[in-house]
N, C-alpha and C. Protein backbone atom coordinates (compact mmCIF):
# COMPACT_ATOMS: atom_id res chain seq x y z
N UNK A 1 0.96 -1.07 -0.41
CA UNK A 1 0.00 0.23 0.11
C UNK A 1 0.81 1.08 -0.02
N UNK A 2 1.80 1.32 1.31
CA UNK A 2 2.86 2.06 0.73
C UNK A 2 3.40 2.66 -0.30
N UNK A 3 3.91 1.48 -1.16
CA UNK A 3 4.75 1.70 -2.17
C UNK A 3 3.60 2.69 -3.25
N UNK A 4 2.06 2.40 -3.29
CA UNK A 4 0.85 2.92 -4.35
C UNK A 4 1.11 4.30 -3.76
N UNK A 5 1.45 4.70 -2.30
CA UNK A 5 1.01 6.15 -2.14
C UNK A 5 2.40 6.69 -2.36
N UNK A 6 3.65 6.10 -2.53
CA UNK A 6 4.58 6.84 -3.00
C UNK A 6 4.76 6.98 -4.67
N UNK A 7 4.38 5.94 -5.19
CA UNK A 7 4.15 6.03 -6.55
C UNK A 7 2.60 6.91 -7.05
N UNK A 8 1.79 7.38 -6.28
CA UNK A 8 0.77 8.35 -6.80
C UNK A 8 1.89 9.57 -6.79
N UNK A 9 2.13 9.95 -5.42
CA UNK A 9 3.14 11.04 -5.13
C UNK A 9 4.22 11.37 -6.37
N UNK A 10 4.63 10.55 -6.82
CA UNK A 10 5.60 10.87 -8.03
C UNK A 10 4.61 11.30 -8.69
N UNK A 11 3.80 10.48 -9.48
CA UNK A 11 2.70 11.25 -10.62
C UNK A 11 2.19 12.48 -10.23
N UNK A 12 1.63 12.68 -9.14
CA UNK A 12 1.42 14.08 -9.09
C UNK A 12 2.44 15.17 -9.04
N UNK A 13 3.42 14.77 -8.40
CA UNK A 13 4.52 15.88 -8.56
C UNK A 13 5.49 15.81 -10.05
N UNK A 14 4.90 14.93 -10.71
CA UNK A 14 5.41 14.98 -12.37
C UNK A 14 4.45 15.71 -12.90
N UNK A 15 3.07 15.71 -12.76
CA UNK A 15 1.98 16.78 -13.35
C UNK A 15 2.19 17.91 -13.24
N UNK A 16 2.37 18.03 -11.38
CA UNK A 16 2.67 19.62 -11.15
C UNK A 16 3.61 20.17 -11.75
N UNK A 17 4.85 19.80 -11.70
CA UNK A 17 6.05 20.05 -12.50
C UNK A 17 5.99 20.68 -13.83
N UNK A 18 4.88 19.67 -14.64
CA UNK A 18 4.53 19.90 -16.34
C UNK A 18 3.32 21.24 -15.95
N UNK A 19 2.36 21.32 -15.02
CA UNK A 19 1.58 22.14 -14.80
C UNK A 19 1.87 23.83 -14.42
N UNK A 20 2.53 23.46 -13.76
CA UNK A 20 3.39 24.93 -13.27
C UNK A 20 4.31 25.44 -13.95
N UNK A 21 4.72 24.74 -14.97
CA UNK A 21 5.77 25.14 -15.92
C UNK A 21 5.15 25.69 -17.23
N UNK A 22 3.96 25.27 -17.27
CA UNK A 22 3.28 25.42 -18.67
C UNK A 22 2.34 26.84 -18.44
N UNK A 23 1.70 26.96 -17.12
CA UNK A 23 1.20 28.23 -17.06
C UNK A 23 1.73 29.16 -16.10
N UNK A 24 3.28 29.08 -15.94
CA UNK A 24 3.81 29.78 -15.42
C UNK A 24 3.34 30.52 -13.96
N UNK A 25 2.81 29.71 -13.14
CA UNK A 25 2.52 30.15 -11.86
C UNK A 25 3.44 29.32 -10.41
N UNK A 26 3.64 29.92 -9.59
CA UNK A 26 4.51 29.48 -8.83
C UNK A 26 4.00 28.19 -8.16
N UNK A 27 2.53 28.27 -7.53
CA UNK A 27 2.11 27.13 -7.23
C UNK A 27 0.83 26.62 -7.33
N UNK A 28 0.14 25.41 -7.36
CA UNK A 28 -0.82 25.16 -7.51
C UNK A 28 -1.51 23.88 -6.35
N UNK A 29 -2.40 23.90 -5.85
CA UNK A 29 -2.93 22.86 -5.13
C UNK A 29 -3.55 21.71 -5.46
N UNK A 30 -3.31 20.83 -5.07
CA UNK A 30 -4.07 19.53 -5.11
C UNK A 30 -5.36 19.53 -5.94
N UNK A 31 -6.09 20.04 -5.33
CA UNK A 31 -7.59 20.28 -5.95
C UNK A 31 -8.14 21.37 -6.36
N UNK A 32 -7.29 22.32 -6.75
CA UNK A 32 -7.55 23.47 -7.50
C UNK A 32 -8.00 23.28 -8.81
N UNK A 33 -9.60 23.80 -9.05
CA UNK A 33 -9.66 23.48 -10.52
C UNK A 33 -8.92 24.55 -11.50
N UNK A 34 -8.36 24.03 -12.32
CA UNK A 34 -7.46 24.60 -13.05
C UNK A 34 -8.44 25.13 -14.33
N UNK A 35 -9.40 24.82 -14.77
CA UNK A 35 -10.33 25.57 -15.61
C UNK A 35 -11.10 26.49 -15.20
N UNK A 36 -11.79 26.41 -13.92
CA UNK A 36 -12.69 27.20 -13.46
C UNK A 36 -11.93 28.38 -12.69
N UNK A 37 -10.80 28.29 -12.73
CA UNK A 37 -9.85 29.35 -12.12
C UNK A 37 -9.52 30.16 -13.22
N UNK A 38 -9.77 29.96 -14.06
CA UNK A 38 -9.14 30.78 -15.78
C UNK A 38 -7.98 30.66 -15.79
N UNK A 39 -7.07 29.87 -15.29
CA UNK A 39 -5.69 29.58 -15.47
C UNK A 39 -5.36 29.00 -16.79
N UNK A 40 -5.99 28.39 -17.42
CA UNK A 40 -5.90 27.32 -18.25
C UNK A 40 -7.12 27.53 -19.25
N UNK A 41 -6.73 26.67 -20.48
CA UNK A 41 -7.77 26.74 -21.78
C UNK A 41 -7.90 25.52 -22.41
N UNK A 42 -8.94 25.59 -23.17
CA UNK A 42 -9.27 24.19 -23.57
C UNK A 42 -7.85 23.87 -24.50
N UNK A 43 -7.14 24.53 -25.23
CA UNK A 43 -5.64 24.12 -25.81
C UNK A 43 -4.80 23.59 -24.59
N UNK A 44 -4.77 24.02 -23.33
CA UNK A 44 -4.12 23.49 -22.24
C UNK A 44 -4.50 22.21 -22.12
N UNK A 45 -5.63 21.74 -21.88
CA UNK A 45 -6.39 20.64 -21.65
C UNK A 45 -5.79 19.37 -22.68
N UNK A 46 -5.53 19.83 -24.05
CA UNK A 46 -4.98 18.87 -25.19
C UNK A 46 -3.42 18.63 -24.60
N UNK A 47 -2.88 19.78 -24.24
CA UNK A 47 -1.48 19.37 -24.16
C UNK A 47 -0.95 18.65 -22.75
N UNK A 48 -1.89 18.75 -21.60
CA UNK A 48 -2.10 17.95 -20.50
C UNK A 48 -2.38 16.65 -20.82
N UNK A 49 -3.23 16.28 -21.92
CA UNK A 49 -3.58 15.07 -21.96
C UNK A 49 -2.40 14.07 -23.08
N UNK A 50 -1.99 14.92 -23.95
CA UNK A 50 -0.79 14.54 -24.50
C UNK A 50 0.61 14.31 -23.51
N UNK A 51 0.80 15.32 -23.13
CA UNK A 51 1.58 15.04 -21.69
C UNK A 51 1.67 13.76 -20.92
N UNK A 52 0.10 13.51 -20.40
CA UNK A 52 0.08 12.32 -19.66
C UNK A 52 0.28 10.87 -20.63
N UNK A 53 -0.32 11.00 -21.87
CA UNK A 53 -0.20 10.09 -22.58
C UNK A 53 1.38 9.70 -22.99
N UNK A 54 2.28 10.44 -23.20
CA UNK A 54 3.78 10.16 -23.35
C UNK A 54 4.05 9.79 -22.28
N UNK A 55 4.35 10.52 -20.94
CA UNK A 55 5.00 10.41 -19.79
C UNK A 55 4.51 9.25 -19.10
N UNK A 56 3.29 8.57 -19.21
CA UNK A 56 2.82 7.79 -18.41
C UNK A 56 2.62 6.17 -19.19
N UNK A 57 2.91 6.09 -20.51
CA UNK A 57 2.58 5.60 -21.74
C UNK A 57 1.11 4.75 -21.69
N UNK A 58 0.59 5.74 -21.19
CA UNK A 58 -0.98 5.32 -21.29
C UNK A 58 -1.86 6.29 -22.85
N UNK A 59 -3.09 5.73 -22.89
CA UNK A 59 -3.77 6.09 -23.94
C UNK A 59 -4.99 6.91 -23.53
N UNK A 60 -5.33 8.18 -23.80
CA UNK A 60 -6.76 8.97 -23.32
C UNK A 60 -7.35 8.88 -24.64
N UNK A 61 -8.75 7.82 -24.25
CA UNK A 61 -9.47 7.20 -25.24
C UNK A 61 -10.63 8.41 -25.37
N UNK A 62 -11.69 8.31 -26.31
CA UNK A 62 -12.80 9.07 -26.31
C UNK A 62 -13.89 9.32 -25.25
N UNK A 63 -13.79 7.66 -24.44
CA UNK A 63 -14.26 7.99 -23.32
C UNK A 63 -13.72 8.69 -21.75
N UNK A 64 -12.71 8.92 -22.21
CA UNK A 64 -11.77 9.37 -21.20
C UNK A 64 -12.33 11.07 -21.49
N UNK A 65 -12.48 11.37 -22.55
CA UNK A 65 -12.59 12.85 -22.55
C UNK A 65 -13.71 13.69 -21.54
N UNK A 66 -13.29 13.73 -20.60
CA UNK A 66 -13.91 14.38 -19.44
C UNK A 66 -13.58 15.33 -18.67
N UNK A 67 -13.62 16.71 -18.51
CA UNK A 67 -12.71 17.47 -17.93
C UNK A 67 -12.78 17.02 -16.57
N UNK A 68 -13.27 16.34 -15.83
CA UNK A 68 -13.30 16.01 -14.64
C UNK A 68 -12.38 15.11 -14.37
N UNK A 69 -11.72 14.24 -15.67
CA UNK A 69 -10.75 13.58 -15.48
C UNK A 69 -9.00 14.32 -15.15
N UNK A 70 -9.22 15.68 -15.71
CA UNK A 70 -7.91 16.80 -15.80
C UNK A 70 -8.26 17.83 -15.16
N UNK A 71 -9.46 18.04 -14.32
CA UNK A 71 -9.47 19.64 -13.69
C UNK A 71 -8.27 20.28 -12.87
N UNK A 72 -7.68 18.98 -12.12
CA UNK A 72 -7.25 19.45 -10.83
C UNK A 72 -5.44 18.42 -10.79
N UNK A 73 -4.77 18.42 -10.26
CA UNK A 73 -3.36 17.45 -9.73
C UNK A 73 -4.29 16.43 -9.49
N UNK A 74 -5.41 16.37 -8.66
CA UNK A 74 -5.57 15.18 -7.90
C UNK A 74 -6.38 14.29 -8.72
N UNK A 75 -7.06 15.10 -9.91
CA UNK A 75 -7.90 14.08 -10.83
C UNK A 75 -7.00 13.82 -11.85
N UNK A 76 -5.94 14.61 -12.34
CA UNK A 76 -5.40 14.10 -13.32
C UNK A 76 -4.55 12.80 -12.77
N UNK A 77 -4.29 13.05 -11.22
CA UNK A 77 -3.72 12.01 -11.05
C UNK A 77 -3.81 10.67 -10.87
N UNK A 78 -5.40 10.81 -10.48
CA UNK A 78 -6.32 9.51 -10.04
C UNK A 78 -6.57 8.78 -11.19
N UNK A 79 -6.29 9.70 -12.62
CA UNK A 79 -6.78 9.35 -13.91
C UNK A 79 -5.49 8.29 -14.19
N UNK A 80 -4.63 8.95 -14.51
CA UNK A 80 -3.30 8.23 -14.54
C UNK A 80 -3.20 6.90 -13.65
N UNK A 81 -3.22 6.82 -12.70
CA UNK A 81 -3.59 5.16 -11.90
C UNK A 81 -4.45 4.40 -12.17
N UNK A 82 -5.44 4.90 -12.39
CA UNK A 82 -6.80 4.14 -13.17
C UNK A 82 -6.43 3.71 -14.26
N UNK A 83 -5.67 4.52 -15.18
CA UNK A 83 -5.61 3.87 -16.51
C UNK A 83 -4.49 2.66 -16.57
N UNK A 84 -3.32 3.22 -15.53
CA UNK A 84 -2.15 2.19 -15.47
C UNK A 84 -2.68 0.99 -14.70
N UNK A 85 -3.79 0.83 -14.20
CA UNK A 85 -4.34 -0.26 -13.39
C UNK A 85 -5.23 -1.04 -14.26
N UNK A 86 -5.85 -0.13 -15.44
CA UNK A 86 -6.36 -0.69 -16.03
C UNK A 86 -5.32 -1.85 -17.29
N UNK A 87 -4.41 -1.01 -17.61
CA UNK A 87 -3.40 -1.75 -18.52
C UNK A 87 -2.70 -2.90 -17.96
N UNK A 88 -2.48 -3.11 -16.68
CA UNK A 88 -1.98 -4.09 -15.95
C UNK A 88 -2.94 -5.16 -15.66
N UNK A 89 -3.95 -4.45 -16.02
CA UNK A 89 -5.12 -6.05 -15.58
C UNK A 89 -5.21 -6.78 -16.59
């Protein structure tokens, strides 16, 4: 269980580095809604999905195209974890 928590933390940190570098803000909370805050737009959503696919070797499919999967660091982390679990199964 602890190993999963560490892995989830690594995933979240990787996503956080990408987000903070991409939108040039010093910090973003795990549950901050990136889209509602106006910090990012739909183009960023595409960039984020591409980053997640390449970085974590997952495929974002049509059924995954739900803003709730990408709206925050926590949501994106959970999405990657879920996709990795499905890939491993």
